């Protein structure tokens, strides 16, 4: 095997191993992150939707009009009005999201049964971002119905 062939084999192996590395779960849902301020959250969501209702002052339901994957989001805030949780509901007939688009399923805690799929990851704190959970649920074995992130207590 000549030198250039060896180099190509090494590149191929590197690509295979790099692709096999665990994909860290997403850190945002439609641009919203855990611990984001209410003002920043509103600024982002007003660009792609409208608030439907506010419940008990710290929970909101938004309809997303300019988002191909998700139809709505539910957001909960803590006492400081920072995002405590966000749940996005998939758009019926919209662009579907694979579970694997969010993270590597091999690193998830899976609770699956026929017609019910649930994957959970615990994401460690990093910098100013607190620890949180990412939870995917769906009825389809490949595509999610909801994507949630919630701050770890």
Protein backbone atom coordinates (compact mmCIF):
# COMPACT_ATOMS: atom_id res chain seq x y z
CA UNK A 1 0.00 0.00 0.00
CA UNK A 2 1.51 3.33 -1.01
CA UNK A 3 1.69 6.43 1.19
CA UNK A 4 -1.36 8.18 -0.30
CA UNK A 5 -3.48 5.01 0.07
CA UNK A 6 -2.49 4.74 3.74
CA UNK A 7 -3.42 8.39 4.25
CA UNK A 8 -6.86 7.80 2.64
CA UNK A 9 -7.46 4.78 4.89
CA UNK A 10 -6.53 6.85 7.95
CA UNK A 11 -8.90 9.64 6.90
CA UNK A 12 -11.69 7.11 6.34
CA UNK A 13 -11.11 5.52 9.77
CA UNK A 14 -11.00 8.94 11.43
CA UNK A 15 -14.33 9.81 9.79
CA UNK A 16 -15.92 6.56 10.97
CA UNK A 17 -14.71 7.03 14.54
CA UNK A 18 -15.63 10.73 14.59
CA UNK A 19 -19.14 9.88 13.41
CA UNK A 20 -19.42 7.22 16.10
CA UNK A 21 -18.78 9.72 18.90
CA UNK A 22 -21.80 10.51 21.06
CA UNK A 23 -23.68 13.54 19.83
CA UNK A 24 -24.37 15.80 22.80
CA UNK A 25 -28.08 16.65 23.18
CA UNK A 26 -29.25 19.97 21.78
CA UNK A 27 -28.97 22.96 24.08
CA UNK A 28 -32.00 24.83 22.73
CA UNK A 29 -35.52 24.41 21.42
CA UNK A 30 -36.48 26.89 18.65
CA UNK A 31 -33.71 29.17 19.94
CA UNK A 32 -34.85 29.05 23.58
CA UNK A 33 -32.42 27.77 26.24
CA UNK A 34 -32.83 26.81 29.86
CA UNK A 35 -32.18 29.85 32.10
CA UNK A 36 -32.90 32.35 29.29
CA UNK A 37 -34.60 35.51 30.54
CA UNK A 38 -38.30 36.03 29.91
CA UNK A 39 -37.52 39.19 27.89
CA UNK A 40 -35.07 37.35 25.61
CA UNK A 41 -37.50 34.44 25.28
CA UNK A 42 -40.31 36.79 24.23
CA UNK A 43 -38.05 38.60 21.78
CA UNK A 44 -37.18 35.29 20.10
CA UNK A 45 -40.69 33.84 20.09
CA UNK A 46 -42.37 37.03 18.80
CA UNK A 47 -40.35 36.55 15.59
CA UNK A 48 -41.84 33.12 14.92
CA UNK A 49 -45.21 33.08 16.67
CA UNK A 50 -47.63 34.61 19.13
CA UNK A 51 -48.52 34.05 22.76
CA UNK A 52 -51.84 32.26 23.13
CA UNK A 53 -52.15 32.50 26.88
CA UNK A 54 -50.33 32.99 30.13
CA UNK A 55 -51.18 30.85 33.13
CA UNK A 56 -50.47 31.75 36.76
CA UNK A 57 -47.95 34.37 35.68
CA UNK A 58 -45.10 31.94 35.08
CA UNK A 59 -46.36 29.63 32.36
CA UNK A 60 -47.01 30.48 28.72
CA UNK A 61 -48.38 28.77 25.64
CA UNK A 62 -47.15 30.03 22.26
CA UNK A 63 -48.38 29.13 18.77
CA UNK A 64 -45.52 29.00 16.29
CA UNK A 65 -46.46 30.29 12.85
CA UNK A 66 -43.01 30.47 11.23
CA UNK A 67 -41.45 27.24 12.47
CA UNK A 68 -41.60 24.18 10.17
CA UNK A 69 -40.97 21.52 12.84
CA UNK A 70 -43.08 22.62 15.80
CA UNK A 71 -46.63 23.97 16.11
CA UNK A 72 -46.46 25.25 19.67
CA UNK A 73 -44.30 25.60 22.76
CA UNK A 74 -45.10 25.61 26.45
CA UNK A 75 -42.71 27.53 28.67
CA UNK A 76 -42.38 27.65 32.43
CA UNK A 77 -40.35 30.23 34.34
CA UNK A 78 -38.75 30.12 37.77
CA UNK A 79 -39.10 32.83 40.46
CA UNK A 80 -36.50 34.99 38.68
CA UNK A 81 -38.43 34.63 35.39
CA UNK A 82 -35.74 32.51 33.78
CA UNK A 83 -36.78 29.54 31.59
CA UNK A 84 -37.28 26.52 33.86
CA UNK A 85 -38.74 24.24 31.15
CA UNK A 86 -39.78 24.31 27.53
CA UNK A 87 -41.81 21.74 25.61
CA UNK A 88 -42.22 21.91 21.84
CA UNK A 89 -45.06 20.00 20.16
CA UNK A 90 -44.40 18.72 16.63
CA UNK A 91 -46.32 20.30 13.78
CA UNK A 92 -48.87 17.88 12.32
CA UNK A 93 -47.95 17.55 8.64
CA UNK A 94 -44.81 19.67 9.16
CA UNK A 95 -41.15 18.86 8.75
CA UNK A 96 -40.57 15.85 10.97
CA UNK A 97 -37.70 15.66 13.44
CA UNK A 98 -35.77 12.45 13.94
CA UNK A 99 -34.87 11.49 17.51
CA UNK A 100 -31.29 11.19 16.25
CA UNK A 101 -31.36 14.85 15.08
CA UNK A 102 -31.47 15.80 18.77
CA UNK A 103 -28.85 13.45 20.20
CA UNK A 104 -27.30 10.00 20.02
CA UNK A 105 -29.90 7.48 21.22
CA UNK A 106 -27.20 5.15 22.56
CA UNK A 107 -26.43 7.66 25.31
CA UNK A 108 -30.11 8.08 26.32
CA UNK A 109 -32.16 6.42 29.00
CA UNK A 110 -34.86 4.74 26.89
CA UNK A 111 -38.36 3.76 28.00
CA UNK A 112 -39.87 2.23 24.90
CA UNK A 113 -42.94 0.10 24.33
CA UNK A 114 -44.89 -0.55 21.13
CA UNK A 115 -46.39 2.77 20.06
CA UNK A 116 -44.65 4.74 22.84
CA UNK A 117 -41.06 5.95 22.68
CA UNK A 118 -39.30 8.07 25.29
CA UNK A 119 -35.64 9.06 25.45
CA UNK A 120 -34.07 11.06 28.28
CA UNK A 121 -30.62 12.62 28.65
CA UNK A 122 -29.12 14.42 31.62
CA UNK A 123 -26.97 17.32 30.43
CA UNK A 124 -24.33 18.53 32.87
CA UNK A 125 -23.95 22.19 33.80
CA UNK A 126 -21.52 24.11 31.61
CA UNK A 127 -20.45 27.70 32.23
CA UNK A 128 -23.56 29.71 33.11
CA UNK A 129 -25.84 26.98 31.75
CA UNK A 130 -27.31 24.84 34.57
CA UNK A 131 -27.77 21.07 34.43
CA UNK A 132 -31.00 19.98 32.74
CA UNK A 133 -32.84 17.06 31.17
CA UNK A 134 -33.72 16.60 27.50
CA UNK A 135 -36.80 14.43 26.96
CA UNK A 136 -38.06 13.21 23.59
CA UNK A 137 -41.39 11.44 23.21
CA UNK A 138 -43.31 10.04 20.29
CA UNK A 139 -45.51 7.33 18.88
CA UNK A 140 -43.29 6.70 15.86
CA UNK A 141 -40.05 4.70 16.24
CA UNK A 142 -38.05 7.36 14.30
CA UNK A 143 -39.80 10.73 14.66
CA UNK A 144 -40.56 12.68 17.82
CA UNK A 145 -43.90 14.18 18.83
CA UNK A 146 -42.49 16.41 21.57
CA UNK A 147 -39.13 17.75 22.65
CA UNK A 148 -38.74 18.99 26.22
CA UNK A 149 -35.96 20.50 28.26
CA UNK A 150 -36.28 21.06 31.98
CA UNK A 151 -33.92 22.45 34.54
CA UNK A 152 -32.58 19.86 36.93
CA UNK A 153 -33.83 20.52 40.49
